[in-house]
Each structure stands twice: as C-alpha cells, then as structure tokens.
C-alpha cells in the first residue's frame, strides 16, 4: 500500500508541478526573453536542494522516515495549491492534434530525434546520480550525515549551472550548452569512485551540481528552439515523459546489478556511460 500510494503521490506532484509545466508558463509570460525567464525560474528551483536535503536527513535521523514524509508533504501540497491560483487557464488543443504535432516534428527533424535520444540518456544519468549519490558515498565509508551534507552541497552548487546560464547559451548555443552539461555530469559521477574521501565528494558535488542543474533549464531552452511556440507545452510534456521513463529505468538496472555484484559502483559506470552517449548524440552532423 505504501509503494502504491507513494508512486501515485510522487507521480502526481511531479506530473503537475515540474519544469515541463513551469518553464512553459515562464516562456509564455515572457515571450521576448525565454532564456532569461527559464534561467530565473530554475535559479529559485536550485535553492530547494540545499534546504530540503539537510532537513530531510535531520528528520530521518532525529525522528523517523515516516515523520519526514509527512512533514515534507505539507509544503509540497501548500505551494502546489497556491500555484494553482497564480496562473490563468487558456484553450487546450485536442489530443489528436498534439500527437500529430509531436510525430511530425520528430519525423521531419534529425536534430529533434538526436535531442530526444540525448534527453533520454540525460534522464537516466540524473536519476542514477540522485538515487545513488548518498548510497555510493556511504558504501565507500562516509557517514550518512557527511554524505547528506555533500549531497546538499551538490544542490547548492546547482546555482553554478544556472546563474551564468544566459551568457553560456549565448556563446555556445542551447545544443552546445546541453552537451557541456552532460559532460560535466559524466565527469562528476566518475568522481564518486573516490568519494570515500571528503575532497572527492566535494569535487563531485561542485561539478555534478553544475551539470545537473544546467540541464534542467537547458531542456526547456533547447525545446523552445526546436519546436513551435504553439506546441511548446506538448513538446515539453513529451520530452519530460521520455526523460522520466529512462530516468525510471536507470535506477532499476543499477539496483539489479548492485544486487548481483554486491557493489554500488555500477551506478558510476552506467551513469557515466549514459552521460557520454548523450553528449555524443549532440555532436553536430554535417
């Protein structure tokens, strides 16, 4: 029952409130400066990890994981309800029109197809990293509290990937910036192999944090470049479904391999491979 309700609750929160919704809203509110709108939105989002990761660890260690879930559910519910009153509705397109739009765009553009495949790899590496960053560090000898604080530092270093995002995109373009973010995540996750020592854990947090949180806004920025504005919401939803589907697949594969091998370092191998493939897919074709 807990697993069922946890899936439904978490899926509802993610499906109704994540970046495929908020970035689309930001672009429509500020159509003349979509990159800046998405960057500013995600800077606020980056502030959540350094607040809620340490709070979550403290709640689990001081009280109980059940108490932690109950406490964290309160602000999630309150802010989602408040957000519902802060937006205005607009006419919706029919599902058939949305599906035709998405299929036609993928059929006609090789760049869109490569972007979708790279997004799938990005979803896999991000989910592996977020699920296994603390277990890998603790398996290498770090205390849980230290590993949680390093994870919080990774969240705080997300600002490194978002504050300078506008000039990075202006210099490299959305494709080049996304490629750079994937490479940063790949190198960062490799540093987890040395995270039994705090210095390697900190290096992981800084580099992976930069790449992870650059990817979130870049997904919206690049999607905005590739698709027509009229279908941006549908495109963002489709990219997010693909991202999340492979994101669900990654930890499942790593978990099975960890049980078979007795080592959680397989998370590093698979995560770094996925990041590398994503970066390769975004190499321009002549």
Protein backbone atom coordinates (compact mmCIF):
# COMPACT_ATOMS: atom_id res chain seq x y z
CA UNK A 1 0.00 0.00 0.00
CA UNK A 2 2.84 2.38 0.83
CA UNK A 3 4.54 1.70 -2.52
CA UNK A 4 1.29 2.22 -4.44
CA UNK A 5 0.38 5.47 -2.69
CA UNK A 6 3.98 6.70 -2.84
CA UNK A 7 4.05 6.18 -6.60
CA UNK A 8 0.70 7.92 -7.10
CA UNK A 9 1.57 10.82 -4.80
CA UNK A 10 5.06 11.42 -6.13
CA UNK A 11 3.91 10.98 -9.72
CA UNK A 12 1.10 13.47 -9.22
CA UNK A 13 3.42 16.08 -7.73
CA UNK A 14 5.99 15.60 -10.49
CA UNK A 15 3.46 15.46 -13.30
CA UNK A 16 1.58 18.59 -12.25
CA UNK A 17 4.34 20.83 -10.98
CA UNK A 18 7.72 20.09 -12.53
CA UNK A 19 9.64 22.10 -15.13
CA UNK A 20 7.63 20.97 -18.16
CA UNK A 21 4.80 22.97 -16.62
CA UNK A 22 6.62 25.89 -15.03
CA UNK A 23 9.09 26.51 -17.87
CA UNK A 24 6.29 26.57 -20.43
CA UNK A 25 4.44 29.09 -18.27
CA UNK A 26 7.57 31.23 -17.90
CA UNK A 27 8.14 31.30 -21.67
CA UNK A 28 4.55 32.32 -22.38
CA UNK A 29 4.69 35.07 -19.75
CA UNK A 30 7.99 36.39 -21.17
CA UNK A 31 7.99 35.52 -24.90
CA UNK A 32 10.64 38.11 -25.78
CA UNK A 33 13.26 36.66 -23.40
CA UNK A 34 12.56 32.93 -22.94
CA UNK A 35 16.14 32.01 -21.99
CA UNK A 36 16.27 34.56 -19.20
CA UNK A 37 12.79 33.57 -17.98
CA UNK A 38 13.72 29.88 -17.74
CA UNK A 39 17.09 30.66 -16.12
CA UNK A 40 15.50 32.84 -13.44
CA UNK A 41 12.79 30.29 -12.73
CA UNK A 42 15.27 27.46 -12.25
CA UNK A 43 17.57 29.55 -10.04
CA UNK A 44 14.74 29.56 -7.50
CA UNK A 45 14.31 25.83 -8.02
CA UNK A 46 18.01 25.29 -7.32
CA UNK A 47 17.60 26.74 -3.85
CA UNK A 48 15.39 23.83 -2.79
CA UNK A 49 18.08 21.14 -2.53
CA UNK A 50 20.39 22.89 -0.02
CA UNK A 51 17.33 23.50 2.15
CA UNK A 52 15.37 20.26 1.94
CA UNK A 53 18.14 17.64 1.69
CA UNK A 54 19.70 18.50 5.08
CA UNK A 55 16.23 18.96 6.60
CA UNK A 56 15.21 15.54 5.28
CA UNK A 57 18.33 13.87 6.69
CA UNK A 58 17.79 15.57 10.05
CA UNK A 59 14.15 14.49 10.19
CA UNK A 60 15.03 10.87 9.36
CA UNK A 61 17.83 10.68 11.93
CA UNK A 62 16.03 12.61 14.67
CA UNK A 63 12.53 11.21 14.25
CA UNK A 64 11.62 8.63 11.61
CA UNK A 65 11.35 8.36 7.85
CA UNK A 66 7.56 8.26 8.15
CA UNK A 67 7.60 11.55 10.04
CA UNK A 68 9.92 13.02 7.40
CA UNK A 69 7.49 12.12 4.62
CA UNK A 70 4.54 13.63 6.48
CA UNK A 71 6.40 16.86 7.23
CA UNK A 72 7.70 17.28 3.66
CA UNK A 73 4.24 16.61 2.22
CA UNK A 74 2.89 19.76 3.86
CA UNK A 75 4.91 22.44 1.97
CA UNK A 76 4.61 20.43 -1.26
CA UNK A 77 0.81 20.48 -1.01
CA UNK A 78 0.56 24.09 0.14
CA UNK A 79 2.75 25.51 -2.63
CA UNK A 80 1.07 23.43 -5.33
CA UNK A 81 -2.36 24.69 -4.27
CA UNK A 82 -1.14 28.30 -4.12
CA UNK A 83 0.38 27.95 -7.60
CA UNK A 84 -2.96 26.78 -8.97
CA UNK A 85 -4.43 30.19 -8.15
CA UNK A 86 -1.49 32.10 -9.65
CA UNK A 87 -1.99 31.02 -13.29
CA UNK A 88 -4.70 31.66 -15.85
CA UNK A 89 -6.27 28.97 -17.99
CA UNK A 90 -6.15 29.07 -21.79
CA UNK A 91 -7.87 26.99 -24.52
CA UNK A 92 -6.44 23.50 -24.92
CA UNK A 93 -5.67 21.61 -28.13
CA UNK A 94 -7.20 18.22 -28.86
CA UNK A 95 -5.08 15.12 -28.04
CA UNK A 96 -5.11 14.09 -31.71
CA UNK A 97 -3.69 17.45 -32.79
CA UNK A 98 -1.00 17.27 -30.12
CA UNK A 99 0.06 13.75 -31.15
CA UNK A 100 0.23 14.70 -34.86
CA UNK A 101 2.35 17.73 -34.00
CA UNK A 102 4.86 15.70 -31.99
CA UNK A 103 5.17 12.87 -34.52
CA UNK A 104 5.52 15.24 -37.45
CA UNK A 105 8.25 17.25 -35.74
CA UNK A 106 10.27 14.12 -34.86
CA UNK A 107 9.83 12.74 -38.39
CA UNK A 108 10.97 15.91 -40.14
CA UNK A 109 13.97 16.87 -37.97
CA UNK A 110 17.07 14.76 -37.32
CA UNK A 111 18.16 17.32 -34.73
CA UNK A 112 14.94 16.77 -32.77
CA UNK A 113 15.44 13.00 -32.89
CA UNK A 114 19.01 13.33 -31.56
CA UNK A 115 17.82 15.74 -28.88
CA UNK A 116 15.13 13.28 -27.76
CA UNK A 117 17.66 10.45 -27.50
CA UNK A 118 20.10 12.69 -25.61
CA UNK A 119 17.27 13.68 -23.25
CA UNK A 120 16.61 10.01 -22.57
CA UNK A 121 20.28 9.50 -21.66
CA UNK A 122 20.17 12.62 -19.51
CA UNK A 123 17.16 11.30 -17.62
CA UNK A 124 18.93 8.01 -16.96
CA UNK A 125 22.14 9.55 -15.62
CA UNK A 126 20.35 12.13 -13.48
CA UNK A 127 18.09 9.59 -11.81
CA UNK A 128 21.01 7.23 -11.18
CA UNK A 129 23.04 10.04 -9.67
CA UNK A 130 20.24 11.40 -7.47
CA UNK A 131 19.23 7.95 -6.20
CA UNK A 132 22.72 6.54 -5.66
CA UNK A 133 24.91 9.50 -4.75
CA UNK A 134 24.44 9.01 -1.00
CA UNK A 135 24.45 5.16 -1.06
CA UNK A 136 27.70 5.14 -3.09
CA UNK A 137 29.37 7.57 -0.67
CA UNK A 138 28.26 5.65 2.41
CA UNK A 139 29.33 2.33 0.84
CA UNK A 140 32.82 3.84 0.48
CA UNK A 141 32.96 4.74 4.16
CA UNK A 142 31.43 8.19 4.59
CA UNK A 143 28.98 8.66 7.49
CA UNK A 144 25.37 9.26 6.42
CA UNK A 145 25.34 12.82 7.80
CA UNK A 146 28.51 13.74 5.86
CA UNK A 147 27.14 12.19 2.67
CA UNK A 148 23.86 14.11 3.11
CA UNK A 149 25.72 17.40 3.53
CA UNK A 150 27.78 16.70 0.40
CA UNK A 151 24.53 15.98 -1.43
CA UNK A 152 23.23 19.31 -0.13
CA UNK A 153 26.40 20.99 -1.42
CA UNK A 154 25.68 19.39 -4.78
CA UNK A 155 22.26 21.02 -4.62
CA UNK A 156 23.73 24.40 -3.69
CA UNK A 157 26.29 24.19 -6.49
CA UNK A 158 23.33 23.96 -8.85
CA UNK A 159 23.46 27.75 -8.80
CA UNK A 160 26.81 27.46 -10.61
CA UNK A 161 24.92 25.93 -13.52
CA UNK A 162 22.08 28.43 -13.54
CA UNK A 163 23.34 31.88 -12.67
CA UNK A 164 25.73 32.06 -15.69
CA UNK A 165 23.37 30.17 -17.97
CA UNK A 166 22.32 33.07 -20.19
CA UNK A 167 25.89 34.01 -21.29
CA UNK A 168 26.77 30.32 -21.70
CA UNK A 169 23.82 29.79 -24.06
CA UNK A 170 24.66 32.99 -25.94
CA UNK A 171 28.20 31.73 -26.50
CA UNK A 172 27.65 28.00 -27.13
CA UNK A 173 24.00 27.86 -28.15
CA UNK A 174 21.44 25.63 -26.45
CA UNK A 175 22.83 22.47 -28.09
CA UNK A 176 26.44 23.17 -27.14
CA UNK A 177 25.50 24.17 -23.61
CA UNK A 178 23.47 20.96 -23.17
CA UNK A 179 26.42 18.94 -24.42
CA UNK A 180 28.72 20.68 -21.95
CA UNK A 181 26.29 19.98 -19.08
CA UNK A 182 26.17 16.26 -19.92
CA UNK A 183 29.96 16.09 -19.97
CA UNK A 184 30.15 17.82 -16.59
CA UNK A 185 27.69 15.32 -15.10
CA UNK A 186 29.63 12.39 -16.58
CA UNK A 187 32.95 13.56 -15.16
CA UNK A 188 31.30 14.42 -11.86
CA UNK A 189 29.76 10.99 -11.41
CA UNK A 190 33.16 9.41 -12.09
CA UNK A 191 34.49 11.34 -9.11
CA UNK A 192 32.10 9.36 -6.91
CA UNK A 193 34.59 6.48 -7.09
CA UNK A 194 36.83 8.46 -4.74
CA UNK A 195 34.08 9.89 -2.57
CA UNK A 196 35.13 7.83 0.43
CA UNK A 197 37.35 10.87 0.93
CA UNK A 198 35.59 14.17 1.53
CA UNK A 199 37.68 16.10 -1.02
CA UNK A 200 36.49 13.86 -3.86
CA UNK A 201 32.94 14.10 -2.59
CA UNK A 202 33.14 17.90 -2.65
CA UNK A 203 34.61 17.84 -6.18
CA UNK A 204 31.75 15.58 -7.26
CA UNK A 205 29.20 17.92 -5.69
CA UNK A 206 30.56 21.00 -7.44
CA UNK A 207 30.96 19.51 -10.91
CA UNK A 208 27.88 17.28 -10.97
CA UNK A 209 25.79 20.03 -9.40
CA UNK A 210 26.81 22.41 -12.17
CA UNK A 211 25.93 19.91 -14.90
CA UNK A 212 22.69 18.61 -13.39
CA UNK A 213 21.13 21.95 -12.82
CA UNK A 214 22.29 23.42 -16.10
CA UNK A 215 20.46 20.54 -17.80
CA UNK A 216 17.07 21.34 -16.26
CA UNK A 217 16.70 24.83 -17.78
CA UNK A 218 18.58 23.84 -20.94
CA UNK A 219 15.98 21.16 -21.63
CA UNK A 220 13.34 23.87 -21.77
CA UNK A 221 15.53 26.34 -23.67
CA UNK A 222 16.52 23.79 -26.33
CA UNK A 223 12.94 22.53 -26.66
CA UNK A 224 11.80 26.12 -27.15
CA UNK A 225 14.30 26.45 -30.02
CA UNK A 226 13.33 23.21 -31.73
CA UNK A 227 9.53 23.39 -31.53
CA UNK A 228 6.95 25.99 -32.50
CA UNK A 229 5.71 28.16 -29.64
CA UNK A 230 2.14 26.94 -30.14
CA UNK A 231 3.11 23.37 -29.31
CA UNK A 232 5.75 24.13 -26.69
CA UNK A 233 3.71 22.78 -23.79
CA UNK A 234 3.03 19.49 -25.58
CA UNK A 235 6.68 19.18 -26.61
CA UNK A 236 7.88 19.87 -23.06
CA UNK A 237 5.47 17.25 -21.74
CA UNK A 238 6.68 14.68 -24.28
CA UNK A 239 10.35 15.37 -23.55
CA UNK A 240 9.66 15.10 -19.83
CA UNK A 241 7.87 11.74 -20.26
CA UNK A 242 10.86 10.42 -22.22
CA UNK A 243 13.27 11.87 -19.66
CA UNK A 244 11.33 10.34 -16.76
CA UNK A 245 10.84 6.95 -18.44
CA UNK A 246 14.55 6.42 -18.91
CA UNK A 247 15.06 8.01 -15.50
CA UNK A 248 12.93 5.22 -14.01
CA UNK A 249 14.84 2.59 -16.00
CA UNK A 250 18.30 3.69 -14.80
CA UNK A 251 17.99 3.03 -11.06
CA UNK A 252 16.19 -0.26 -11.73
CA UNK A 253 19.11 -1.50 -13.85
CA UNK A 254 21.67 -0.29 -11.33
CA UNK A 255 19.75 -1.86 -8.45
CA UNK A 256 19.67 -5.25 -10.15
CA UNK A 257 23.38 -5.07 -10.94
CA UNK A 258 24.20 -3.92 -7.40
CA UNK A 259 22.39 -6.98 -6.01
CA UNK A 260 24.18 -9.25 -8.46
CA UNK A 261 27.68 -7.81 -7.95
CA UNK A 262 27.49 -6.63 -4.35
CA UNK A 263 28.84 -3.22 -5.39
CA UNK A 264 27.07 0.08 -5.89
CA UNK A 265 29.88 1.39 -8.09
CA UNK A 266 27.98 0.02 -11.10
CA UNK A 267 25.94 3.21 -10.71
CA UNK A 268 29.05 5.16 -11.64
CA UNK A 269 29.78 3.04 -14.73
CA UNK A 270 26.25 3.16 -16.13
CA UNK A 271 25.72 6.82 -15.24
CA UNK A 272 28.97 7.98 -16.83
CA UNK A 273 28.25 5.89 -19.96
CA UNK A 274 24.78 7.38 -20.35
CA UNK A 275 26.16 10.91 -19.97
CA UNK A 276 28.84 10.25 -22.57
CA UNK A 277 26.34 8.84 -25.07
CA UNK A 278 24.09 11.85 -24.57
CA UNK A 279 26.98 14.24 -25.28
CA UNK A 280 27.98 12.27 -28.40
CA UNK A 281 24.42 12.36 -29.75
CA UNK A 282 24.52 16.17 -29.67
CA UNK A 283 27.63 16.44 -31.83
CA UNK A 284 26.56 18.43 -34.95
CA UNK A 285 26.10 16.35 -38.09
CA UNK A 286 27.45 17.77 -41.33
